C-alpha cells in the first residue's frame, strides 16, 4: 500500500545517518538528485538546534556568498547551506572556519551535483567532511516495509524465502511512478508526466549548464532519451556516438555530466579473474525509473505488452533499489554486474568485504526456466564457497528452488524482506 502523501516525508534511513554524522564530523554534506527530499531532511535534522539557514538558490544569498565568502559562513553554531554547488568557493571559507574551530556539527550542506565534478573546485574538505548520498524514495520507504533484502540475503543465502502479492501489472505501475516524493504524491499518471518533463528540462538548463557550457542542448536531450531506452543495459559509448552522429569524446563528457547530476548511475563490471573473457563495460541505470519510463513514452499498460521495454526498465529499477539499500545496510557491500565475451552474464553482483558474492538475475516474466540460471551457475562453479546464493528475481509470486544455492524469488523481496 502506498502512502497517501509523500511531500514533507523524508527517507527514514537518512535522518539517523545525518544525525549521527553531525555528532562526529565538522561538515556533513547531503548529496543527491534534486527533488529527492534533501531540504526537507535538513529541516527535520536541524529542528530544535540553534541554526542559521542559507539557500543558495536565492539570488541575494549567492551574491552575498560570492562577495564575502568568509563573512557568509561565519556563524558559531550549526550553519545549513542549501545547494552548496552554486558557490563552490565557500568550501575554502568553511575549511578555514573548521580548522580554527574543530567542533563537530558546524556545517550541514546539501547539493545536487557531486562536488568532485564541479569546475574550479578549490577544496573538498578532506578529512573534515562526511558525505551522505540521498536517493529518491525506495519502494520500502513508500510502502513502509523493511527494505532489508541485502542484509537478509547475506545472512540466510539461498535459505531466504518470500511470497508476494504483487502482480506483474503492479510492478509496471511502480516502475512508471518512480520514487521522487512529488511524483509519488501526484494522483494521476498525466500529472506525474508533467513533473518528469519539467524535471529533466530544469536539470539541463540549470545543473548541467553550471557544470559545463553546452552549446547544443538538443544533443544532450537526444542522449538522455537514448540512455533511458538502455536502462539496465551495457553502456557502449561508440554505439551512442554512431546513433547520435556526435564524437565519442562528446558522448563520454555528456554521460559523465548526467552522472554528476544524479540522473544516471553507472554500474561497474565485476571480475575476480573468474574468466579471462570478462567484459569491463559498465551498465547504466536511471536513478529514477519513472523518469526513464517517461522519456521512452512508456506507461504501465504498454509495459506489460509483448515487445515492450519492461525487461530493460525493470532491470534498471532493481539495480537502483539495490543501490539505495547499500547506503543503509549493515553489511558493507558493493554493486557490480558481470558479463563475458561469450555473453554469459549476471545482471547484479553483490560482493561484501569478506569476498562473499550474491548473484542476481532480473526477469520481467512471471515464470522462470532452468536456463535463466546459466550465468549464476557460471559464477557458482568458479567461486566455490565464496558464492553464497544465485537468485532470479521475477514477477511471479512464489519462491522456488532450482538446485544448490539457486532460487527464483519475487522482485518484491527487495523491499518486503526484513
Protein backbone atom coordinates (compact mmCIF):
# COMPACT_ATOMS: atom_id res chain seq x y z
CA UNK A 1 0.00 0.00 0.00
CA UNK A 2 1.36 3.42 -0.98
CA UNK A 3 1.35 6.30 1.46
CA UNK A 4 -1.35 8.89 0.79
CA UNK A 5 1.12 11.76 0.52
CA UNK A 6 4.89 11.81 0.34
CA UNK A 7 5.61 15.56 0.26
CA UNK A 8 7.20 16.54 3.55
CA UNK A 9 8.14 12.94 4.32
CA UNK A 10 11.84 12.09 4.49
CA UNK A 11 13.64 8.84 3.71
CA UNK A 12 13.56 7.10 7.09
CA UNK A 13 17.06 5.66 6.79
CA UNK A 14 18.67 9.06 6.18
CA UNK A 15 17.65 11.00 9.30
CA UNK A 16 19.58 8.74 11.64
CA UNK A 17 22.65 8.73 9.38
CA UNK A 18 22.77 12.55 9.22
CA UNK A 19 22.18 12.97 12.95
CA UNK A 20 25.00 10.55 13.79
CA UNK A 21 27.33 12.23 11.29
CA UNK A 22 26.74 15.67 12.83
CA UNK A 23 27.77 14.26 16.21
CA UNK A 24 31.10 13.07 14.82
CA UNK A 25 32.07 15.30 11.89
CA UNK A 26 32.67 19.01 11.40
CA UNK A 27 30.99 19.17 7.99
CA UNK A 28 28.20 16.91 6.75
CA UNK A 29 27.30 17.00 3.05
CA UNK A 30 23.97 15.57 1.87
CA UNK A 31 24.35 14.90 -1.83
CA UNK A 32 21.68 13.72 -4.23
CA UNK A 33 19.27 14.43 -7.04
CA UNK A 34 17.06 17.48 -6.99
CA UNK A 35 13.59 17.00 -5.51
CA UNK A 36 14.56 13.87 -3.56
CA UNK A 37 13.96 15.43 -0.12
CA UNK A 38 17.33 16.93 0.87
CA UNK A 39 15.93 20.25 2.11
CA UNK A 40 13.09 18.54 3.98
CA UNK A 41 15.59 16.18 5.62
CA UNK A 42 17.78 19.08 6.69
CA UNK A 43 14.82 20.90 8.25
CA UNK A 44 13.93 17.82 10.29
CA UNK A 45 17.51 17.28 11.47
CA UNK A 46 18.08 20.96 12.31
CA UNK A 47 14.79 21.31 14.19
CA UNK A 48 15.42 22.24 17.81
CA UNK A 49 19.02 23.29 17.16
CA UNK A 50 20.42 26.80 17.01
CA UNK A 51 20.99 27.03 13.28
CA UNK A 52 21.48 29.57 10.52
CA UNK A 53 19.90 28.67 7.17
CA UNK A 54 21.22 29.90 3.81
CA UNK A 55 19.69 28.83 0.48
CA UNK A 56 22.00 29.41 -2.47
CA UNK A 57 19.15 29.00 -4.95
CA UNK A 58 18.23 32.52 -3.80
CA UNK A 59 19.94 35.25 -5.84
CA UNK A 60 20.69 37.57 -2.91
CA UNK A 61 22.33 34.73 -0.95
CA UNK A 62 24.51 33.77 -3.93
CA UNK A 63 25.59 37.39 -4.36
CA UNK A 64 26.44 37.74 -0.68
CA UNK A 65 28.35 34.44 -0.65
CA UNK A 66 30.36 35.41 -3.73
CA UNK A 67 31.17 38.90 -2.43
CA UNK A 68 32.28 37.83 1.08
CA UNK A 69 32.72 34.04 1.49
CA UNK A 70 34.43 34.32 4.89
CA UNK A 71 31.73 36.54 6.34
CA UNK A 72 28.96 34.45 4.82
CA UNK A 73 29.97 31.28 6.70
CA UNK A 74 30.98 32.95 9.98
CA UNK A 75 28.48 31.54 12.49
CA UNK A 76 29.29 29.96 15.90
CA UNK A 77 26.65 27.23 15.78
CA UNK A 78 25.23 24.95 13.09
CA UNK A 79 25.01 26.57 9.65
CA UNK A 80 22.87 24.96 6.97
CA UNK A 81 23.79 25.84 3.38
CA UNK A 82 21.42 24.53 0.72
CA UNK A 83 22.73 23.84 -2.83
CA UNK A 84 26.40 24.47 -1.99
CA UNK A 85 27.44 23.75 -5.60
CA UNK A 86 26.07 27.18 -6.55
CA UNK A 87 29.07 28.87 -4.87
CA UNK A 88 31.85 26.28 -4.51
CA UNK A 89 34.33 28.92 -3.32
CA UNK A 90 32.52 28.77 0.03
CA UNK A 91 34.29 25.47 0.70
CA UNK A 92 37.61 27.24 1.27
CA UNK A 93 35.96 29.60 3.74
CA UNK A 94 34.32 26.63 5.52
CA UNK A 95 37.69 24.87 5.66
CA UNK A 96 39.20 27.92 7.32
CA UNK A 97 36.39 28.05 9.88
CA UNK A 98 36.51 24.37 10.88
CA UNK A 99 40.29 24.38 11.09
CA UNK A 100 40.06 27.19 13.66
CA UNK A 101 37.13 25.61 15.48
CA UNK A 102 37.09 21.81 15.02
CA UNK A 103 33.87 21.10 16.94
CA UNK A 104 31.65 18.53 15.20
CA UNK A 105 28.38 19.63 13.69
CA UNK A 106 29.48 23.04 12.38
CA UNK A 107 28.08 22.85 8.85
CA UNK A 108 25.30 20.90 7.19
CA UNK A 109 25.48 21.24 3.40
CA UNK A 110 23.25 19.99 0.61
CA UNK A 111 23.98 19.73 -3.08
CA UNK A 112 22.56 18.39 -6.33
CA UNK A 113 25.90 17.72 -8.03
CA UNK A 114 28.84 15.61 -6.98
CA UNK A 115 31.35 18.08 -5.55
CA UNK A 116 34.32 16.49 -7.27
CA UNK A 117 32.69 17.23 -10.63
CA UNK A 118 32.41 20.98 -10.15
CA UNK A 119 34.54 23.20 -12.33
CA UNK A 120 37.26 25.06 -10.49
CA UNK A 121 36.57 23.28 -7.21
CA UNK A 122 39.01 24.78 -4.70
CA UNK A 123 38.90 22.11 -1.98
CA UNK A 124 36.78 19.13 -0.96
CA UNK A 125 37.49 19.31 2.78
CA UNK A 126 39.41 16.01 3.01
CA UNK A 127 39.22 14.55 6.49
CA UNK A 128 36.76 17.20 7.61
CA UNK A 129 33.60 16.22 5.74
CA UNK A 130 31.32 13.19 5.64
CA UNK A 131 29.16 12.73 2.54
CA UNK A 132 25.74 11.08 2.71
CA UNK A 133 24.04 10.31 -0.59
CA UNK A 134 20.27 10.70 -0.72
CA UNK A 135 18.22 8.99 -3.41
CA UNK A 136 14.55 9.20 -4.38
CA UNK A 137 12.37 7.03 -2.14
CA UNK A 138 12.88 3.28 -2.19
CA UNK A 139 9.81 1.07 -2.53
CA UNK A 140 10.07 0.14 1.14
CA UNK A 141 10.10 3.78 2.16
CA UNK A 142 6.96 4.38 0.10
CA UNK A 143 5.19 1.27 1.41
CA UNK A 144 6.51 1.34 4.98
CA UNK A 145 8.11 -2.10 4.59
CA UNK A 146 11.51 -3.31 5.91
CA UNK A 147 13.92 -2.76 2.96
CA UNK A 148 16.26 -5.37 4.43
CA UNK A 149 17.00 -7.64 1.48
CA UNK A 150 20.78 -7.07 1.29
CA UNK A 151 21.43 -7.92 4.93
CA UNK A 152 18.99 -10.82 4.84
CA UNK A 153 20.43 -12.48 1.74
CA UNK A 154 24.00 -12.38 3.06
CA UNK A 155 22.78 -13.79 6.40
CA UNK A 156 20.50 -16.52 5.02
CA UNK A 157 21.73 -17.10 1.48
CA UNK A 158 19.58 -19.46 -0.55
CA UNK A 159 17.52 -20.30 2.55
CA UNK A 160 15.75 -16.98 2.06
CA UNK A 161 12.09 -17.37 1.19
CA UNK A 162 9.46 -14.85 0.11
CA UNK A 163 5.87 -14.92 -1.13
CA UNK A 164 4.49 -11.90 -2.94
CA UNK A 165 1.04 -10.46 -3.54
CA UNK A 166 2.27 -8.05 -6.22
CA UNK A 167 1.24 -8.75 -9.81
CA UNK A 168 3.18 -8.09 -13.00
CA UNK A 169 0.94 -5.11 -13.68
CA UNK A 170 1.61 -3.76 -10.18
CA UNK A 171 5.35 -3.86 -10.87
CA UNK A 172 4.79 -1.89 -14.06
CA UNK A 173 2.81 0.71 -12.07
CA UNK A 174 5.63 1.06 -9.54
CA UNK A 175 8.20 1.35 -12.27
CA UNK A 176 6.49 4.24 -14.09
CA UNK A 177 5.76 6.01 -10.80
CA UNK A 178 9.36 6.04 -9.59
CA UNK A 179 10.38 7.36 -6.20
CA UNK A 180 10.55 11.15 -6.29
CA UNK A 181 8.35 12.42 -3.42
CA UNK A 182 6.45 14.85 -5.63
CA UNK A 183 5.80 12.25 -8.33
CA UNK A 184 4.62 9.69 -5.77
CA UNK A 185 2.23 12.26 -4.27
CA UNK A 186 0.62 13.10 -7.63
CA UNK A 187 -2.53 11.00 -8.06
CA UNK A 188 -2.55 10.53 -11.85
CA UNK A 189 -0.07 9.38 -14.47
CA UNK A 190 -0.59 12.55 -16.52
CA UNK A 191 0.33 14.80 -13.60
CA UNK A 192 3.43 12.71 -12.89
CA UNK A 193 4.46 13.01 -16.54
CA UNK A 194 4.32 16.81 -16.25
CA UNK A 195 6.64 16.60 -13.25
CA UNK A 196 9.12 14.34 -15.08
CA UNK A 197 9.16 16.58 -18.17
CA UNK A 198 9.84 19.68 -16.08
CA UNK A 199 12.45 17.89 -14.00
CA UNK A 200 14.59 16.87 -16.97
CA UNK A 201 14.23 20.25 -18.65
CA UNK A 202 15.26 22.14 -15.50
CA UNK A 203 18.15 19.74 -14.90
CA UNK A 204 19.67 20.52 -18.30
CA UNK A 205 19.00 24.25 -18.05
CA UNK A 206 20.35 24.66 -14.52
CA UNK A 207 22.59 21.95 -13.09
CA UNK A 208 24.20 20.58 -16.25
CA UNK A 209 24.83 24.07 -17.59
CA UNK A 210 26.53 25.02 -14.34
CA UNK A 211 29.00 22.18 -14.65
CA UNK A 212 29.95 22.81 -18.27
CA UNK A 213 28.98 25.01 -21.18
CA UNK A 214 26.75 23.05 -23.58
CA UNK A 215 26.38 24.67 -26.97
CA UNK A 216 23.76 22.27 -28.33
CA UNK A 217 21.33 21.13 -25.68
CA UNK A 218 19.43 19.15 -28.32
CA UNK A 219 22.32 16.66 -28.35
CA UNK A 220 22.04 16.25 -24.59
CA UNK A 221 18.28 15.74 -24.76
CA UNK A 222 18.66 13.11 -27.50
CA UNK A 223 21.33 11.31 -25.49
CA UNK A 224 19.12 11.30 -22.39
CA UNK A 225 16.33 9.59 -24.32
CA UNK A 226 18.68 7.00 -25.87
CA UNK A 227 20.18 6.12 -22.50
CA UNK A 228 16.70 5.76 -20.99
CA UNK A 229 15.94 3.07 -23.57
CA UNK A 230 19.12 1.28 -22.44
CA UNK A 231 18.46 1.43 -18.69
CA UNK A 232 19.85 -1.74 -17.14
CA UNK A 233 21.96 -2.48 -20.24
CA UNK A 234 25.64 -2.14 -21.16
CA UNK A 235 26.73 1.45 -21.68
CA UNK A 236 28.56 1.32 -25.02
CA UNK A 237 29.71 4.83 -25.91
CA UNK A 238 30.56 4.07 -29.53
CA UNK A 239 27.04 2.83 -30.23
CA UNK A 240 25.54 6.01 -28.77
CA UNK A 241 28.05 8.10 -30.73
CA UNK A 242 27.12 6.46 -34.01
CA UNK A 243 23.40 6.76 -33.38
CA UNK A 244 23.61 10.44 -32.43
CA UNK A 245 26.20 11.42 -35.03
CA UNK A 246 28.50 13.07 -32.50
CA UNK A 247 32.00 12.22 -31.34
CA UNK A 248 32.67 9.51 -28.80
CA UNK A 249 34.52 12.01 -26.61
CA UNK A 250 31.43 14.26 -26.52
CA UNK A 251 29.27 11.29 -25.54
CA UNK A 252 31.67 10.43 -22.71
CA UNK A 253 31.62 14.00 -21.40
CA UNK A 254 27.83 14.16 -21.55
CA UNK A 255 27.45 10.82 -19.75
CA UNK A 256 29.80 11.97 -17.01
CA UNK A 257 27.67 15.09 -16.57
CA UNK A 258 24.48 13.07 -16.30
CA UNK A 259 26.06 11.03 -13.54
CA UNK A 260 27.33 14.16 -11.79
CA UNK A 261 23.77 15.49 -11.51
CA UNK A 262 22.35 12.13 -10.35
CA UNK A 263 20.25 11.38 -13.42
CA UNK A 264 22.05 8.11 -14.20
CA UNK A 265 24.27 5.69 -12.33
CA UNK A 266 26.95 3.54 -13.89
CA UNK A 267 27.30 0.01 -12.51
CA UNK A 268 30.90 -1.18 -12.91
CA UNK A 269 31.85 -4.58 -14.27
CA UNK A 270 32.89 -7.21 -11.74
CA UNK A 271 35.84 -9.56 -12.09
CA UNK A 272 37.95 -11.70 -9.83
CA UNK A 273 39.70 -13.42 -12.70
CA UNK A 274 36.88 -15.97 -12.78
CA UNK A 275 37.02 -15.65 -16.54
CA UNK A 276 39.72 -14.14 -18.70
CA UNK A 277 36.96 -13.22 -21.13
CA UNK A 278 35.15 -10.85 -18.77
CA UNK A 279 33.85 -7.63 -20.33
CA UNK A 280 34.76 -4.43 -18.49
CA UNK A 281 32.00 -2.21 -19.92
CA UNK A 282 29.75 -0.69 -17.22
CA UNK A 283 25.99 -0.90 -17.16
CA UNK A 284 23.77 2.15 -16.86
CA UNK A 285 20.65 2.64 -14.78
CA UNK A 286 18.46 5.69 -14.44
CA UNK A 287 18.44 6.83 -10.82
CA UNK A 288 14.65 7.04 -11.03
CA UNK A 289 12.69 4.52 -13.09
CA UNK A 290 9.78 6.94 -13.50
CA UNK A 291 11.96 9.39 -15.42
CA UNK A 292 13.34 6.61 -17.62
CA UNK A 293 9.86 5.31 -18.44
CA UNK A 294 8.59 8.80 -19.19
CA UNK A 295 11.49 9.50 -21.53
CA UNK A 296 10.71 6.44 -23.65
CA UNK A 297 6.98 7.14 -23.59
CA UNK A 298 6.07 4.03 -21.60
CA UNK A 299 3.08 3.74 -19.30
CA UNK A 300 2.06 0.85 -17.07
CA UNK A 301 -0.37 -0.58 -19.60
CA UNK A 302 2.07 -0.55 -22.53
CA UNK A 303 4.88 -2.08 -20.47
CA UNK A 304 3.08 -5.38 -19.92
CA UNK A 305 2.53 -5.88 -23.65
CA UNK A 306 4.87 -8.16 -25.66
CA UNK A 307 7.87 -6.39 -27.17
CA UNK A 308 7.92 -3.53 -24.66
CA UNK A 309 10.94 -2.23 -22.73
CA UNK A 310 9.63 -3.76 -19.49
CA UNK A 311 12.60 -6.09 -19.07
CA UNK A 312 15.21 -3.38 -19.55
CA UNK A 313 13.44 -0.85 -17.34
CA UNK A 314 12.76 -3.46 -14.63
CA UNK A 315 16.44 -4.35 -14.52
CA UNK A 316 17.37 -0.69 -14.02
CA UNK A 317 14.66 -0.42 -11.35
CA UNK A 318 16.10 -3.42 -9.45
CA UNK A 319 19.67 -2.14 -9.73
CA UNK A 320 18.67 1.17 -8.17
CA UNK A 321 16.67 -0.46 -5.37
CA UNK A 322 19.84 -2.39 -4.54
CA UNK A 323 21.97 0.76 -4.78
CA UNK A 324 19.66 2.55 -2.33
CA UNK A 325 19.86 -0.30 0.18
CA UNK A 326 23.65 -0.28 0.11
CA UNK A 327 23.55 3.19 1.69
CA UNK A 328 21.95 1.83 4.88
CA UNK A 329 22.60 -1.93 5.04
CA UNK A 330 24.70 -3.19 7.94
CA UNK A 331 26.60 -5.46 5.54
CA UNK A 332 29.24 -3.45 3.67
CA UNK A 333 28.60 -4.38 0.06
CA UNK A 334 29.46 -3.14 -3.42
CA UNK A 335 27.29 -3.48 -6.52
CA UNK A 336 28.58 -4.72 -9.89
CA UNK A 337 27.43 -6.60 -12.98
CA UNK A 338 29.18 -9.47 -14.79
CA UNK A 339 29.38 -10.36 -18.46
CA UNK A 340 31.78 -12.36 -20.61
CA UNK A 341 32.58 -12.08 -24.30
CA UNK A 342 30.64 -15.33 -24.68
CA UNK A 343 27.56 -13.40 -23.43
CA UNK A 344 27.36 -15.24 -20.14
CA UNK A 345 26.00 -12.60 -17.80
CA UNK A 346 24.74 -11.83 -14.32
CA UNK A 347 22.66 -8.68 -14.01
CA UNK A 348 23.80 -7.74 -10.50
CA UNK A 349 26.72 -8.97 -8.41
CA UNK A 350 26.83 -8.07 -4.71
CA UNK A 351 30.18 -8.60 -3.00
CA UNK A 352 30.91 -7.93 0.67
CA UNK A 353 34.23 -7.12 2.32
CA UNK A 354 34.88 -10.82 3.02
CA UNK A 355 34.67 -11.63 -0.70
CA UNK A 356 31.29 -13.38 -0.44
CA UNK A 357 29.15 -12.99 -3.55
CA UNK A 358 25.42 -12.90 -4.28
CA UNK A 359 24.42 -13.13 -7.95
CA UNK A 360 21.10 -11.74 -9.16
CA UNK A 361 19.30 -12.09 -12.49
CA UNK A 362 16.21 -9.99 -13.26
CA UNK A 363 13.30 -11.33 -15.34
CA UNK A 364 10.16 -9.42 -16.26
CA UNK A 365 8.36 -12.75 -16.84
CA UNK A 366 6.06 -14.32 -14.24
CA UNK A 367 7.69 -17.74 -14.78
CA UNK A 368 11.30 -18.90 -14.55
CA UNK A 369 13.19 -21.58 -16.50
CA UNK A 370 16.34 -23.52 -15.71
CA UNK A 371 18.34 -21.71 -18.43
CA UNK A 372 17.72 -18.41 -16.62
CA UNK A 373 20.36 -19.58 -14.12
CA UNK A 374 23.14 -20.05 -16.69
CA UNK A 375 25.21 -17.05 -15.63
CA UNK A 376 24.63 -17.68 -11.94
CA UNK A 377 25.86 -21.28 -12.26
CA UNK A 378 28.91 -19.98 -14.15
CA UNK A 379 29.81 -17.84 -11.13
CA UNK A 380 29.00 -20.58 -8.62
CA UNK A 381 31.23 -23.12 -10.38
CA UNK A 382 34.20 -20.76 -10.31
CA UNK A 383 33.79 -19.13 -6.91
CA UNK A 384 33.12 -22.23 -4.85
CA UNK A 385 32.30 -21.47 -1.23
CA UNK A 386 32.53 -17.71 -1.80
CA UNK A 387 29.32 -17.92 -3.82
CA UNK A 388 26.52 -17.52 -1.28
CA UNK A 389 23.42 -17.63 -3.49
CA UNK A 390 22.14 -17.13 -7.01
CA UNK A 391 18.71 -15.54 -7.31
CA UNK A 392 16.46 -14.93 -10.29
CA UNK A 393 14.13 -12.09 -9.29
CA UNK A 394 10.93 -12.36 -11.34
CA UNK A 395 7.36 -11.01 -11.37
CA UNK A 396 5.71 -14.19 -10.08
CA UNK A 397 4.53 -14.75 -6.51
CA UNK A 398 6.43 -17.73 -5.06
CA UNK A 399 9.99 -18.77 -4.19
CA UNK A 400 11.27 -21.93 -5.91
CA UNK A 401 14.47 -23.94 -5.62
CA UNK A 402 16.48 -24.56 -8.81
CA UNK A 403 19.28 -26.59 -7.29
CA UNK A 404 22.22 -25.96 -4.98
CA UNK A 405 22.16 -22.30 -3.78
CA UNK A 406 19.83 -21.32 -6.65
CA UNK A 407 16.39 -19.77 -6.08
CA UNK A 408 13.71 -17.97 -8.08
CA UNK A 409 12.14 -15.24 -5.94
CA UNK A 410 9.61 -12.40 -6.42
CA UNK A 411 11.11 -8.96 -7.08
CA UNK A 412 9.23 -7.56 -4.08
CA UNK A 413 11.60 -9.46 -1.79
CA UNK A 414 13.88 -6.43 -2.26
CA UNK A 415 11.73 -4.24 -0.04
CA UNK A 416 9.39 -6.64 1.82
CA UNK A 417 12.04 -8.80 3.50
CA UNK A 418 13.34 -7.57 6.84
